PDB file of N, CA and C in Angstrom:
ATOM      1  N   MET A   1     -14.208  25.454  19.673  1.00  0.00           N
ATOM      2  CA  MET A   1     -14.630  24.587  18.713  1.00  0.00           C
ATOM      3  C   MET A   1     -15.667  23.591  19.191  1.00  0.00           C
ATOM      4  N   GLU A   2     -16.778  23.386  18.273  1.00  0.00           N
ATOM      5  CA  GLU A   2     -17.809  22.400  18.855  1.00  0.00           C
ATOM      6  C   GLU A   2     -17.346  20.871  18.632  1.00  0.00           C
ATOM      7  N   THR A   3     -17.798  20.112  19.484  1.00  0.00           N
ATOM      8  CA  THR A   3     -17.372  18.793  19.427  1.00  0.00           C
ATOM      9  C   THR A   3     -17.349  18.164  17.966  1.00  0.00           C
ATOM     10  N   SER A   4     -18.620  18.473  17.517  1.00  0.00           N
ATOM     11  CA  SER A   4     -18.793  17.874  16.204  1.00  0.00           C
ATOM     12  C   SER A   4     -17.616  18.208  15.040  1.00  0.00           C
ATOM     13  N   THR A   5     -17.217  19.569  15.204  1.00  0.00           N
ATOM     14  CA  THR A   5     -16.201  20.021  14.168  1.00  0.00           C
ATOM     15  C   THR A   5     -14.883  19.473  14.593  1.00  0.00           C
ATOM     16  N   ILE A   6     -14.614  19.157  15.798  1.00  0.00           N
ATOM     17  CA  ILE A   6     -13.294  18.498  16.218  1.00  0.00           C
ATOM     18  C   ILE A   6     -13.406  17.078  15.663  1.00  0.00           C
ATOM     19  N   ILE A   7     -14.508  16.470  15.803  1.00  0.00           N
ATOM     20  CA  ILE A   7     -14.542  15.052  15.372  1.00  0.00           C
ATOM     21  C   ILE A   7     -14.431  14.862  13.850  1.00  0.00           C
ATOM     22  N   SER A   8     -15.082  15.926  13.161  1.00  0.00           N
ATOM     23  CA  SER A   8     -15.004  15.976  11.612  1.00  0.00           C
ATOM     24  C   SER A   8     -13.403  16.141  11.187  1.00  0.00           C
ATOM     25  N   LEU A   9     -12.746  17.101  11.978  1.00  0.00           N
ATOM     26  CA  LEU A   9     -11.415  17.420  11.685  1.00  0.00           C
ATOM     27  C   LEU A   9     -10.366  16.033  11.800  1.00  0.00           C
ATOM     28  N   VAL A  10     -10.707  15.386  13.156  1.00  0.00           N
ATOM     29  CA  VAL A  10     -10.100  14.133  13.308  1.00  0.00           C
ATOM     30  C   VAL A  10     -10.219  13.086  12.277  1.00  0.00           C
ATOM     31  N   ILE A  11     -11.482  12.933  11.942  1.00  0.00           N
ATOM     32  CA  ILE A  11     -11.781  11.987  10.791  1.00  0.00           C
ATOM     33  C   ILE A  11     -11.116  12.429   9.403  1.00  0.00           C
ATOM     34  N   PHE A  12     -11.188  13.645   9.074  1.00  0.00           N
ATOM     35  CA  PHE A  12     -10.409  14.201   7.963  1.00  0.00           C
ATOM     36  C   PHE A  12      -8.910  13.794   7.842  1.00  0.00           C
ATOM     37  N   PHE A  13      -8.206  14.092   9.048  1.00  0.00           N
ATOM     38  CA  PHE A  13      -6.969  13.879   9.132  1.00  0.00           C
ATOM     39  C   PHE A  13      -6.671  12.298   9.056  1.00  0.00           C
ATOM     40  N   LEU A  14      -7.483  11.598   9.687  1.00  0.00           N
ATOM     41  CA  LEU A  14      -7.337  10.056   9.626  1.00  0.00           C
ATOM     42  C   LEU A  14      -7.515   9.499   8.198  1.00  0.00           C
ATOM     43  N   LEU A  15      -8.474   9.957   7.512  1.00  0.00           N
ATOM     44  CA  LEU A  15      -8.667   9.825   6.150  1.00  0.00           C
ATOM     45  C   LEU A  15      -7.371  10.073   5.280  1.00  0.00           C
ATOM     46  N   ILE A  16      -6.815  11.256   5.463  1.00  0.00           N
ATOM     47  CA  ILE A  16      -5.608  11.916   4.767  1.00  0.00           C
ATOM     48  C   ILE A  16      -4.390  10.929   5.083  1.00  0.00           C
ATOM     49  N   ALA A  17      -4.335  10.625   6.328  1.00  0.00           N
ATOM     50  CA  ALA A  17      -3.292   9.579   6.733  1.00  0.00           C
ATOM     51  C   ALA A  17      -3.411   8.143   6.061  1.00  0.00           C
ATOM     52  N   LEU A  18      -4.498   7.590   6.011  1.00  0.00           N
ATOM     53  CA  LEU A  18      -4.814   6.398   5.342  1.00  0.00           C
ATOM     54  C   LEU A  18      -4.742   6.395   3.835  1.00  0.00           C
ATOM     55  N   THR A  19      -4.897   7.645   3.116  1.00  0.00           N
ATOM     56  CA  THR A  19      -4.790   7.786   1.856  1.00  0.00           C
ATOM     57  C   THR A  19      -3.194   7.786   1.527  1.00  0.00           C
ATOM     58  N   THR A  20      -2.468   8.356   2.391  1.00  0.00           N
ATOM     59  CA  THR A  20      -1.042   8.163   2.237  1.00  0.00           C
ATOM     60  C   THR A  20      -0.523   6.909   2.482  1.00  0.00           C
ATOM     61  N   VAL A  21      -0.955   6.145   3.202  1.00  0.00           N
ATOM     62  CA  VAL A  21      -0.531   4.743   3.357  1.00  0.00           C
ATOM     63  C   VAL A  21      -0.805   4.009   1.994  1.00  0.00           C
ATOM     64  N   PHE A  22      -2.011   4.121   1.510  1.00  0.00           N
ATOM     65  CA  PHE A  22      -2.246   3.625   0.359  1.00  0.00           C
ATOM     66  C   PHE A  22      -1.645   3.964  -0.926  1.00  0.00           C
ATOM     67  N   VAL A  23      -1.377   5.075  -1.064  1.00  0.00           N
ATOM     68  CA  VAL A  23      -0.507   5.506  -2.136  1.00  0.00           C
ATOM     69  C   VAL A  23       0.992   5.268  -1.887  1.00  0.00           C
ATOM     70  N   GLY A  24       1.465   5.280  -0.777  1.00  0.00           N
ATOM     71  CA  GLY A  24       2.895   4.879  -0.503  1.00  0.00           C
ATOM     72  C   GLY A  24       2.883   3.268  -0.862  1.00  0.00           C
ATOM     73  N   SER A  25       1.964   2.519  -0.526  1.00  0.00           N
ATOM     74  CA  SER A  25       2.142   0.975  -0.945  1.00  0.00           C
ATOM     75  C   SER A  25       1.972   0.872  -2.563  1.00  0.00           C
ATOM     76  N   GLU A  26       1.132   1.538  -2.901  1.00  0.00           N
ATOM     77  CA  GLU A  26       1.059   1.473  -4.560  1.00  0.00           C
ATOM     78  C   GLU A  26       2.272   1.888  -5.287  1.00  0.00           C
ATOM     79  N   PHE A  27       2.909   3.110  -4.832  1.00  0.00           N
ATOM     80  CA  PHE A  27       4.150   3.318  -5.353  1.00  0.00           C
ATOM     81  C   PHE A  27       5.232   2.328  -5.073  1.00  0.00           C
ATOM     82  N   ALA A  28       5.483   1.892  -4.155  1.00  0.00           N
ATOM     83  CA  ALA A  28       6.274   0.700  -3.617  1.00  0.00           C
ATOM     84  C   ALA A  28       6.160  -0.479  -4.448  1.00  0.00           C
ATOM     85  N   LEU A  29       4.912  -0.829  -4.705  1.00  0.00           N
ATOM     86  CA  LEU A  29       4.650  -1.954  -5.645  1.00  0.00           C
ATOM     87  C   LEU A  29       5.021  -1.550  -7.134  1.00  0.00           C
ATOM     88  N   VAL A  30       4.805  -0.536  -7.425  1.00  0.00           N
ATOM     89  CA  VAL A  30       5.210  -0.013  -8.892  1.00  0.00           C
ATOM     90  C   VAL A  30       6.687   0.066  -9.180  1.00  0.00           C
ATOM     91  N   LYS A  31       7.417   0.471  -8.193  1.00  0.00           N
ATOM     92  CA  LYS A  31       8.791   0.692  -8.279  1.00  0.00           C
ATOM     93  C   LYS A  31       9.662  -0.471  -8.031  1.00  0.00           C
ATOM     94  N   VAL A  32       9.098  -1.552  -7.351  1.00  0.00           N
ATOM     95  CA  VAL A  32       9.984  -2.627  -7.203  1.00  0.00           C
ATOM     96  C   VAL A  32      10.437  -3.401  -8.369  1.00  0.00           C
ATOM     97  N   ARG A  33      11.472  -4.008  -8.337  1.00  0.00           N
ATOM     98  CA  ARG A  33      12.209  -4.651  -9.870  1.00  0.00           C
ATOM     99  C   ARG A  33      11.348  -5.847  -9.912  1.00  0.00           C
ATOM    100  N   SER A  34      10.687  -6.201 -11.115  1.00  0.00           N
ATOM    101  CA  SER A  34      10.157  -7.484 -11.434  1.00  0.00           C
ATOM    102  C   SER A  34      10.952  -8.443 -11.532  1.00  0.00           C
ATOM    103  N   THR A  35      12.277  -8.216 -11.946  1.00  0.00           N
ATOM    104  CA  THR A  35      13.214  -9.353 -11.915  1.00  0.00           C
ATOM    105  C   THR A  35      13.450  -9.864 -10.581  1.00  0.00           C
ATOM    106  N   ARG A  36      13.550  -9.163  -9.689  1.00  0.00           N
ATOM    107  CA  ARG A  36      13.872  -9.427  -8.333  1.00  0.00           C
ATOM    108  C   ARG A  36      12.691 -10.146  -7.805  1.00  0.00           C
ATOM    109  N   ILE A  37      11.602  -9.788  -7.881  1.00  0.00           N
ATOM    110  CA  ILE A  37      10.088 -10.643  -7.519  1.00  0.00           C
ATOM    111  C   ILE A  37      10.140 -11.971  -8.259  1.00  0.00           C
ATOM    112  N   GLU A  38      10.308 -11.752  -9.411  1.00  0.00           N
ATOM    113  CA  GLU A  38      10.382 -13.313 -10.102  1.00  0.00           C
ATOM    114  C   GLU A  38      11.439 -14.173  -9.552  1.00  0.00           C
ATOM    115  N   GLN A  39      12.563 -13.714  -9.278  1.00  0.00           N
ATOM    116  CA  GLN A  39      13.738 -14.453  -8.592  1.00  0.00           C
ATOM    117  C   GLN A  39      13.232 -14.877  -7.241  1.00  0.00           C
ATOM    118  N   LEU A  40      12.517 -14.159  -6.494  1.00  0.00           N
ATOM    119  CA  LEU A  40      12.036 -14.670  -5.138  1.00  0.00           C
ATOM    120  C   LEU A  40      10.900 -15.624  -5.391  1.00  0.00           C
ATOM    121  N   VAL A  41      10.067 -15.439  -6.174  1.00  0.00           N
ATOM    122  CA  VAL A  41       8.980 -16.372  -6.589  1.00  0.00           C
ATOM    123  C   VAL A  41       9.592 -17.825  -6.916  1.00  0.00           C
ATOM    124  N   ASP A  42      10.574 -17.625  -7.909  1.00  0.00           N
ATOM    125  CA  ASP A  42      11.166 -18.993  -8.254  1.00  0.00           C
ATOM    126  C   ASP A  42      11.964 -19.827  -6.972  1.00  0.00           C
ATOM    127  N   GLU A  43      12.340 -18.944  -6.071  1.00  0.00           N
ATOM    128  CA  GLU A  43      12.811 -19.569  -5.020  1.00  0.00           C
ATOM    129  C   GLU A  43      11.941 -20.118  -3.830  1.00  0.00           C
ATOM    130  N   GLY A  44      10.596 -19.915  -4.209  1.00  0.00           N
ATOM    131  CA  GLY A  44       9.601 -20.401  -3.210  1.00  0.00           C
ATOM    132  C   GLY A  44       9.154 -19.253  -2.298  1.00  0.00           C
ATOM    133  N   ASN A  45       9.607 -18.160  -2.361  1.00  0.00           N
ATOM    134  CA  ASN A  45       9.377 -17.158  -1.339  1.00  0.00           C
ATOM    135  C   ASN A  45       7.728 -16.884  -1.440  1.00  0.00           C
ATOM    136  N   LYS A  46       6.904 -17.309  -0.296  1.00  0.00           N
ATOM    137  CA  LYS A  46       5.479 -17.074  -0.346  1.00  0.00           C
ATOM    138  C   LYS A  46       5.113 -15.430  -0.474  1.00  0.00           C
ATOM    139  N   SER A  47       5.789 -14.642   0.316  1.00  0.00           N
ATOM    140  CA  SER A  47       5.463 -13.278   0.270  1.00  0.00           C
ATOM    141  C   SER A  47       5.727 -12.566  -1.193  1.00  0.00           C
ATOM    142  N   ALA A  48       6.718 -13.102  -1.794  1.00  0.00           N
ATOM    143  CA  ALA A  48       6.945 -12.626  -3.238  1.00  0.00           C
ATOM    144  C   ALA A  48       5.896 -13.099  -4.031  1.00  0.00           C
ATOM    145  N   LYS A  49       5.273 -14.337  -3.869  1.00  0.00           N
ATOM    146  CA  LYS A  49       4.204 -14.698  -4.784  1.00  0.00           C
ATOM    147  C   LYS A  49       3.002 -13.731  -4.412  1.00  0.00           C
ATOM    148  N   ILE A  50       2.694 -13.330  -3.242  1.00  0.00           N
ATOM    149  CA  ILE A  50       1.552 -12.610  -2.981  1.00  0.00           C
ATOM    150  C   ILE A  50       1.911 -10.934  -3.652  1.00  0.00           C
ATOM    151  N   VAL A  51       3.055 -10.663  -3.630  1.00  0.00           N
ATOM    152  CA  VAL A  51       3.394  -9.226  -4.251  1.00  0.00           C
ATOM    153  C   VAL A  51       3.433  -9.277  -5.783  1.00  0.00           C
ATOM    154  N   LYS A  52       3.598 -10.545  -6.304  1.00  0.00           N
ATOM    155  CA  LYS A  52       3.444 -10.518  -7.825  1.00  0.00           C
ATOM    156  C   LYS A  52       2.111 -10.538  -8.218  1.00  0.00           C
ATOM    157  N   LYS A  53       1.234 -11.351  -7.438  1.00  0.00           N
ATOM    158  CA  LYS A  53      -0.301 -11.310  -7.836  1.00  0.00           C
ATOM    159  C   LYS A  53      -0.745  -9.733  -7.493  1.00  0.00           C
ATOM    160  N   MET A  54      -0.148  -8.992  -6.667  1.00  0.00           N
ATOM    161  CA  MET A  54      -0.764  -7.694  -6.329  1.00  0.00           C
ATOM    162  C   MET A  54      -0.254  -6.762  -7.580  1.00  0.00           C
ATOM    163  N   ILE A  55       1.009  -6.949  -8.024  1.00  0.00           N
ATOM    164  CA  ILE A  55       1.445  -6.191  -9.123  1.00  0.00           C
ATOM    165  C   ILE A  55       0.879  -6.628 -10.391  1.00  0.00           C
ATOM    166  N   ASP A  56       0.571  -7.663 -10.485  1.00  0.00           N
ATOM    167  CA  ASP A  56      -0.280  -8.220 -11.832  1.00  0.00           C
ATOM    168  C   ASP A  56      -1.660  -7.552 -11.742  1.00  0.00           C
ATOM    169  N   ASN A  57      -2.229  -7.363 -10.739  1.00  0.00           N
ATOM    170  CA  ASN A  57      -3.724  -6.818 -10.619  1.00  0.00           C
ATOM    171  C   ASN A  57      -3.659  -5.407 -10.473  1.00  0.00           C
ATOM    172  N   LEU A  58      -2.697  -4.596 -10.522  1.00  0.00           N
ATOM    173  CA  LEU A  58      -2.492  -3.111 -10.530  1.00  0.00           C
ATOM    174  C   LEU A  58      -3.190  -2.648 -11.889  1.00  0.00           C
TER     175      LEU A  58
END
């Protein structure tokens, strides 16, 4: 195989892997219980506040 073909395949698989990370993250945000996030926000959890903003912007 030529070097350019190998590089193209590596880039292709890296992009596929990156896409799966983003899809998995989005799926996790959609499936999380909003009541639990609200509870954590009320308790002052900074990470929960960030997650709530992300869910609100989906």
